[in-house]
Amino acid sequence: MNMERTIRAIAGSFILVSLALGWWVHHGWFLFTAFVGANLLQSAITRWCLMEDILDKLGIAKKTSPQAR
């Protein structure tokens, strides 16, 4: 899986988990949902993503070859 797909999977997971926690555990978890959404918007505007930097340091590939799809 390339970095873009990994970031989308992480963001989607964070949103779904925080929504579930906000519904069943404590409403304060909805702030985490808002934080993830704000970071997605900021990333779209500035073209900088903290998660991309983190995954890069972990060695996740930025792009895959066409044969790997």
PDB file of N, CA and C in Angstrom:
ATOM      1  N   MET A   1       0.862  -1.172   0.000  1.00  0.00           N
ATOM      2  CA  MET A   1       0.000   0.000   0.000  1.00  0.00           C
ATOM      3  C   MET A   1       0.904   1.229   0.000  1.00  0.00           C
ATOM      4  N   ASN A   2       0.580   2.197  -0.847  1.00  0.00           N
ATOM      5  CA  ASN A   2       1.406   3.397  -0.895  1.00  0.00           C
ATOM      6  C   ASN A   2       0.996   4.377   0.208  1.00  0.00           C
ATOM      7  N   MET A   3       1.760   5.470   0.320  1.00  0.00           N
ATOM      8  CA  MET A   3       1.555   6.405   1.422  1.00  0.00           C
ATOM      9  C   MET A   3       0.183   7.074   1.363  1.00  0.00           C
ATOM     10  N   GLU A   4      -0.259   7.472   0.191  1.00  0.00           N
ATOM     11  CA  GLU A   4      -1.551   8.163   0.079  1.00  0.00           C
ATOM     12  C   GLU A   4      -2.696   7.278   0.575  1.00  0.00           C
ATOM     13  N   ARG A   5      -2.687   6.025   0.169  1.00  0.00           N
ATOM     14  CA  ARG A   5      -3.736   5.107   0.614  1.00  0.00           C
ATOM     15  C   ARG A   5      -3.631   4.829   2.100  1.00  0.00           C
ATOM     16  N   THR A   6      -2.409   4.762   2.608  1.00  0.00           N
ATOM     17  CA  THR A   6      -2.206   4.539   4.037  1.00  0.00           C
ATOM     18  C   THR A   6      -2.751   5.716   4.844  1.00  0.00           C
ATOM     19  N   ILE A   7      -2.480   6.931   4.394  1.00  0.00           N
ATOM     20  CA  ILE A   7      -2.972   8.127   5.090  1.00  0.00           C
ATOM     21  C   ILE A   7      -4.492   8.164   5.075  1.00  0.00           C
ATOM     22  N   ARG A   8      -5.091   7.842   3.953  1.00  0.00           N
ATOM     23  CA  ARG A   8      -6.561   7.818   3.875  1.00  0.00           C
ATOM     24  C   ARG A   8      -7.145   6.772   4.812  1.00  0.00           C
ATOM     25  N   ALA A   9      -6.505   5.611   4.881  1.00  0.00           N
ATOM     26  CA  ALA A   9      -6.984   4.547   5.770  1.00  0.00           C
ATOM     27  C   ALA A   9      -6.861   4.968   7.232  1.00  0.00           C
ATOM     28  N   ILE A  10      -5.752   5.600   7.597  1.00  0.00           N
ATOM     29  CA  ILE A  10      -5.555   6.057   8.971  1.00  0.00           C
ATOM     30  C   ILE A  10      -6.576   7.134   9.318  1.00  0.00           C
ATOM     31  N   ALA A  11      -6.753   8.119   8.443  1.00  0.00           N
ATOM     32  CA  ALA A  11      -7.699   9.207   8.714  1.00  0.00           C
ATOM     33  C   ALA A  11      -9.124   8.661   8.849  1.00  0.00           C
ATOM     34  N   GLY A  12      -9.517   7.778   7.955  1.00  0.00           N
ATOM     35  CA  GLY A  12     -10.849   7.185   8.039  1.00  0.00           C
ATOM     36  C   GLY A  12     -11.045   6.386   9.313  1.00  0.00           C
ATOM     37  N   SER A  13     -10.018   5.643   9.693  1.00  0.00           N
ATOM     38  CA  SER A  13     -10.087   4.865  10.932  1.00  0.00           C
ATOM     39  C   SER A  13     -10.189   5.768  12.146  1.00  0.00           C
ATOM     40  N   PHE A  14      -9.367   6.825  12.181  1.00  0.00           N
ATOM     41  CA  PHE A  14      -9.420   7.775  13.294  1.00  0.00           C
ATOM     42  C   PHE A  14     -10.816   8.381  13.422  1.00  0.00           C
ATOM     43  N   ILE A  15     -11.405   8.752  12.300  1.00  0.00           N
ATOM     44  CA  ILE A  15     -12.725   9.379  12.331  1.00  0.00           C
ATOM     45  C   ILE A  15     -13.779   8.392  12.834  1.00  0.00           C
ATOM     46  N   LEU A  16     -13.782   7.179  12.301  1.00  0.00           N
ATOM     47  CA  LEU A  16     -14.782   6.200  12.720  1.00  0.00           C
ATOM     48  C   LEU A  16     -14.623   5.798  14.185  1.00  0.00           C
ATOM     49  N   VAL A  17     -13.379   5.600  14.623  1.00  0.00           N
ATOM     50  CA  VAL A  17     -13.147   5.227  16.020  1.00  0.00           C
ATOM     51  C   VAL A  17     -13.541   6.363  16.955  1.00  0.00           C
ATOM     52  N   SER A  18     -13.168   7.596  16.599  1.00  0.00           N
ATOM     53  CA  SER A  18     -13.508   8.724  17.483  1.00  0.00           C
ATOM     54  C   SER A  18     -15.013   8.989  17.513  1.00  0.00           C
ATOM     55  N   LEU A  19     -15.706   8.753  16.410  1.00  0.00           N
ATOM     56  CA  LEU A  19     -17.163   8.871  16.424  1.00  0.00           C
ATOM     57  C   LEU A  19     -17.786   7.820  17.342  1.00  0.00           C
ATOM     58  N   ALA A  20     -17.294   6.592  17.263  1.00  0.00           N
ATOM     59  CA  ALA A  20     -17.813   5.538  18.133  1.00  0.00           C
ATOM     60  C   ALA A  20     -17.525   5.857  19.597  1.00  0.00           C
ATOM     61  N   LEU A  21     -16.315   6.312  19.890  1.00  0.00           N
ATOM     62  CA  LEU A  21     -15.970   6.668  21.270  1.00  0.00           C
ATOM     63  C   LEU A  21     -16.814   7.850  21.756  1.00  0.00           C
ATOM     64  N   GLY A  22     -17.062   8.801  20.873  1.00  0.00           N
ATOM     65  CA  GLY A  22     -17.897   9.942  21.247  1.00  0.00           C
ATOM     66  C   GLY A  22     -19.335   9.549  21.517  1.00  0.00           C
ATOM     67  N   TRP A  23     -19.818   8.565  20.802  1.00  0.00           N
ATOM     68  CA  TRP A  23     -21.204   8.131  20.964  1.00  0.00           C
ATOM     69  C   TRP A  23     -21.372   7.272  22.220  1.00  0.00           C
ATOM     70  N   TRP A  24     -20.428   6.329  22.426  1.00  0.00           N
ATOM     71  CA  TRP A  24     -20.610   5.362  23.504  1.00  0.00           C
ATOM     72  C   TRP A  24     -19.806   5.637  24.774  1.00  0.00           C
ATOM     73  N   VAL A  25     -18.740   6.445  24.697  1.00  0.00           N
ATOM     74  CA  VAL A  25     -17.889   6.632  25.872  1.00  0.00           C
ATOM     75  C   VAL A  25     -18.055   8.031  26.466  1.00  0.00           C
ATOM     76  N   HIS A  26     -17.661   9.043  25.695  1.00  0.00           N
ATOM     77  CA  HIS A  26     -17.737  10.422  26.201  1.00  0.00           C
ATOM     78  C   HIS A  26     -17.784  11.371  25.009  1.00  0.00           C
ATOM     79  N   HIS A  27     -18.610  12.402  25.110  1.00  0.00           N
ATOM     80  CA  HIS A  27     -18.776  13.343  23.994  1.00  0.00           C
ATOM     81  C   HIS A  27     -17.496  14.114  23.665  1.00  0.00           C
ATOM     82  N   GLY A  28     -16.567  14.155  24.578  1.00  0.00           N
ATOM     83  CA  GLY A  28     -15.300  14.844  24.326  1.00  0.00           C
ATOM     84  C   GLY A  28     -14.509  14.256  23.164  1.00  0.00           C
ATOM     85  N   TRP A  29     -14.765  12.982  22.853  1.00  0.00           N
ATOM     86  CA  TRP A  29     -14.068  12.360  21.719  1.00  0.00           C
ATOM     87  C   TRP A  29     -14.443  13.001  20.386  1.00  0.00           C
ATOM     88  N   PHE A  30     -15.578  13.681  20.320  1.00  0.00           N
ATOM     89  CA  PHE A  30     -15.949  14.365  19.079  1.00  0.00           C
ATOM     90  C   PHE A  30     -14.954  15.476  18.741  1.00  0.00           C
ATOM     91  N   LEU A  31     -14.255  15.987  19.740  1.00  0.00           N
ATOM     92  CA  LEU A  31     -13.208  16.981  19.479  1.00  0.00           C
ATOM     93  C   LEU A  31     -12.070  16.370  18.672  1.00  0.00           C
ATOM     94  N   PHE A  32     -11.774  15.110  18.920  1.00  0.00           N
ATOM     95  CA  PHE A  32     -10.751  14.427  18.123  1.00  0.00           C
ATOM     96  C   PHE A  32     -11.199  14.277  16.679  1.00  0.00           C
ATOM     97  N   THR A  33     -12.486  13.989  16.479  1.00  0.00           N
ATOM     98  CA  THR A  33     -13.032  13.920  15.121  1.00  0.00           C
ATOM     99  C   THR A  33     -12.851  15.261  14.411  1.00  0.00           C
ATOM    100  N   ALA A  34     -13.156  16.350  15.121  1.00  0.00           N
ATOM    101  CA  ALA A  34     -12.980  17.691  14.546  1.00  0.00           C
ATOM    102  C   ALA A  34     -11.509  17.969  14.249  1.00  0.00           C
ATOM    103  N   PHE A  35     -10.619  17.522  15.123  1.00  0.00           N
ATOM    104  CA  PHE A  35      -9.184  17.714  14.919  1.00  0.00           C
ATOM    105  C   PHE A  35      -8.712  17.005  13.651  1.00  0.00           C
ATOM    106  N   VAL A  36      -9.151  15.775  13.447  1.00  0.00           N
ATOM    107  CA  VAL A  36      -8.772  15.034  12.238  1.00  0.00           C
ATOM    108  C   VAL A  36      -9.313  15.730  10.997  1.00  0.00           C
ATOM    109  N   GLY A  37     -10.562  16.174  11.044  1.00  0.00           N
ATOM    110  CA  GLY A  37     -11.150  16.885   9.911  1.00  0.00           C
ATOM    111  C   GLY A  37     -10.420  18.179   9.604  1.00  0.00           C
ATOM    112  N   ALA A  38     -10.051  18.916  10.654  1.00  0.00           N
ATOM    113  CA  ALA A  38      -9.308  20.165  10.456  1.00  0.00           C
ATOM    114  C   ALA A  38      -7.943  19.890   9.839  1.00  0.00           C
ATOM    115  N   ASN A  39      -7.298  18.809  10.250  1.00  0.00           N
ATOM    116  CA  ASN A  39      -6.000  18.461   9.670  1.00  0.00           C
ATOM    117  C   ASN A  39      -6.129  18.033   8.217  1.00  0.00           C
ATOM    118  N   LEU A  40      -7.207  17.350   7.875  1.00  0.00           N
ATOM    119  CA  LEU A  40      -7.431  16.996   6.476  1.00  0.00           C
ATOM    120  C   LEU A  40      -7.622  18.244   5.622  1.00  0.00           C
ATOM    121  N   LEU A  41      -8.387  19.197   6.125  1.00  0.00           N
ATOM    122  CA  LEU A  41      -8.598  20.452   5.407  1.00  0.00           C
ATOM    123  C   LEU A  41      -7.294  21.236   5.281  1.00  0.00           C
ATOM    124  N   GLN A  42      -6.539  21.336   6.364  1.00  0.00           N
ATOM    125  CA  GLN A  42      -5.254  22.037   6.348  1.00  0.00           C
ATOM    126  C   GLN A  42      -4.305  21.378   5.354  1.00  0.00           C
ATOM    127  N   SER A  43      -4.303  20.059   5.312  1.00  0.00           N
ATOM    128  CA  SER A  43      -3.431  19.336   4.386  1.00  0.00           C
ATOM    129  C   SER A  43      -3.800  19.617   2.928  1.00  0.00           C
ATOM    130  N   ALA A  44      -5.088  19.717   2.655  1.00  0.00           N
ATOM    131  CA  ALA A  44      -5.527  20.011   1.291  1.00  0.00           C
ATOM    132  C   ALA A  44      -5.115  21.409   0.855  1.00  0.00           C
ATOM    133  N   ILE A  45      -5.123  22.348   1.795  1.00  0.00           N
ATOM    134  CA  ILE A  45      -4.791  23.738   1.465  1.00  0.00           C
ATOM    135  C   ILE A  45      -3.285  23.955   1.360  1.00  0.00           C
ATOM    136  N   THR A  46      -2.529  23.421   2.328  1.00  0.00           N
ATOM    137  CA  THR A  46      -1.090  23.707   2.389  1.00  0.00           C
ATOM    138  C   THR A  46      -0.225  22.662   1.703  1.00  0.00           C
ATOM    139  N   ARG A  47      -0.797  21.509   1.376  1.00  0.00           N
ATOM    140  CA  ARG A  47      -0.065  20.385   0.801  1.00  0.00           C
ATOM    141  C   ARG A  47       1.016  19.856   1.738  1.00  0.00           C
ATOM    142  N   TRP A  48       0.829  20.015   3.041  1.00  0.00           N
ATOM    143  CA  TRP A  48       1.720  19.454   4.052  1.00  0.00           C
ATOM    144  C   TRP A  48       0.896  18.625   5.010  1.00  0.00           C
ATOM    145  N   CYS A  49       1.384  17.435   5.307  1.00  0.00           N
ATOM    146  CA  CYS A  49       0.657  16.524   6.177  1.00  0.00           C
ATOM    147  C   CYS A  49       1.622  15.925   7.189  1.00  0.00           C
ATOM    148  N   LEU A  50       1.330  16.112   8.463  1.00  0.00           N
ATOM    149  CA  LEU A  50       2.175  15.572   9.515  1.00  0.00           C
ATOM    150  C   LEU A  50       2.242  14.051   9.433  1.00  0.00           C
ATOM    151  N   MET A  51       1.116  13.398   9.154  1.00  0.00           N
ATOM    152  CA  MET A  51       1.116  11.940   9.062  1.00  0.00           C
ATOM    153  C   MET A  51       2.027  11.463   7.939  1.00  0.00           C
ATOM    154  N   GLU A  52       2.125  12.222   6.865  1.00  0.00           N
ATOM    155  CA  GLU A  52       3.035  11.866   5.777  1.00  0.00           C
ATOM    156  C   GLU A  52       4.481  11.893   6.270  1.00  0.00           C
ATOM    157  N   ASP A  53       4.837  12.889   7.050  1.00  0.00           N
ATOM    158  CA  ASP A  53       6.184  12.959   7.611  1.00  0.00           C
ATOM    159  C   ASP A  53       6.455  11.780   8.542  1.00  0.00           C
ATOM    160  N   ILE A  54       5.474  11.426   9.356  1.00  0.00           N
ATOM    161  CA  ILE A  54       5.625  10.300  10.281  1.00  0.00           C
ATOM    162  C   ILE A  54       5.801   8.994   9.510  1.00  0.00           C
ATOM    163  N   LEU A  55       4.951   8.774   8.510  1.00  0.00           N
ATOM    164  CA  LEU A  55       5.046   7.543   7.724  1.00  0.00           C
ATOM    165  C   LEU A  55       6.345   7.490   6.924  1.00  0.00           C
ATOM    166  N   ASP A  56       6.818   8.635   6.464  1.00  0.00           N
ATOM    167  CA  ASP A  56       8.081   8.693   5.739  1.00  0.00           C
ATOM    168  C   ASP A  56       9.228   8.234   6.635  1.00  0.00           C
ATOM    169  N   LYS A  57       9.224   8.670   7.887  1.00  0.00           N
ATOM    170  CA  LYS A  57      10.260   8.252   8.837  1.00  0.00           C
ATOM    171  C   LYS A  57      10.148   6.769   9.175  1.00  0.00           C
ATOM    172  N   LEU A  58       8.946   6.219   9.064  1.00  0.00           N
ATOM    173  CA  LEU A  58       8.744   4.789   9.305  1.00  0.00           C
ATOM    174  C   LEU A  58       9.073   3.935   8.086  1.00  0.00           C
ATOM    175  N   GLY A  59       9.352   4.589   6.948  1.00  0.00           N
ATOM    176  CA  GLY A  59       9.759   3.871   5.750  1.00  0.00           C
ATOM    177  C   GLY A  59       8.636   3.443   4.831  1.00  0.00           C
ATOM    178  N   ILE A  60       7.459   4.032   4.962  1.00  0.00           N
ATOM    179  CA  ILE A  60       6.348   3.720   4.049  1.00  0.00           C
ATOM    180  C   ILE A  60       6.655   4.369   2.705  1.00  0.00           C
ATOM    181  N   ALA A  61       6.491   3.615   1.623  1.00  0.00           N
ATOM    182  CA  ALA A  61       6.821   4.118   0.285  1.00  0.00           C
ATOM    183  C   ALA A  61       5.853   5.217  -0.121  1.00  0.00           C
ATOM    184  N   LYS A  62       6.388   6.282  -0.762  1.00  0.00           N
ATOM    185  CA  LYS A  62       5.540   7.369  -1.248  1.00  0.00           C
ATOM    186  C   LYS A  62       4.728   6.939  -2.452  1.00  0.00           C
ATOM    187  N   LYS A  63       5.332   6.206  -3.366  1.00  0.00           N
ATOM    188  CA  LYS A  63       4.629   5.754  -4.570  1.00  0.00           C
ATOM    189  C   LYS A  63       4.975   4.298  -4.812  1.00  0.00           C
ATOM    190  N   THR A  64       4.060   3.605  -5.462  1.00  0.00           N
ATOM    191  CA  THR A  64       4.336   2.225  -5.850  1.00  0.00           C
ATOM    192  C   THR A  64       4.467   2.169  -7.349  1.00  0.00           C
ATOM    193  N   SER A  65       5.147   1.162  -7.812  1.00  0.00           N
ATOM    194  CA  SER A  65       5.287   0.994  -9.249  1.00  0.00           C
ATOM    195  C   SER A  65       3.951   0.523  -9.838  1.00  0.00           C
ATOM    196  N   PRO A  66       3.727   0.768 -11.143  1.00  0.00           N
ATOM    197  CA  PRO A  66       2.459   0.357 -11.754  1.00  0.00           C
ATOM    198  C   PRO A  66       2.203  -1.146 -11.630  1.00  0.00           C
ATOM    199  N   GLN A  67       3.257  -1.971 -11.587  1.00  0.00           N
ATOM    200  CA  GLN A  67       3.085  -3.408 -11.483  1.00  0.00           C
ATOM    201  C   GLN A  67       2.577  -3.818 -10.094  1.00  0.00           C
ATOM    202  N   ALA A  68       2.805  -2.986  -9.079  1.00  0.00           N
ATOM    203  CA  ALA A  68       2.425  -3.341  -7.712  1.00  0.00           C
ATOM    204  C   ALA A  68       0.955  -3.067  -7.415  1.00  0.00           C
ATOM    205  N   ARG A  69       0.264  -2.416  -8.310  1.00  0.00           N
ATOM    206  CA  ARG A  69      -1.149  -2.077  -8.058  1.00  0.00           C
ATOM    207  C   ARG A  69      -2.002  -3.244  -8.150  1.00  0.00           C
TER     208      ARG A  69
END
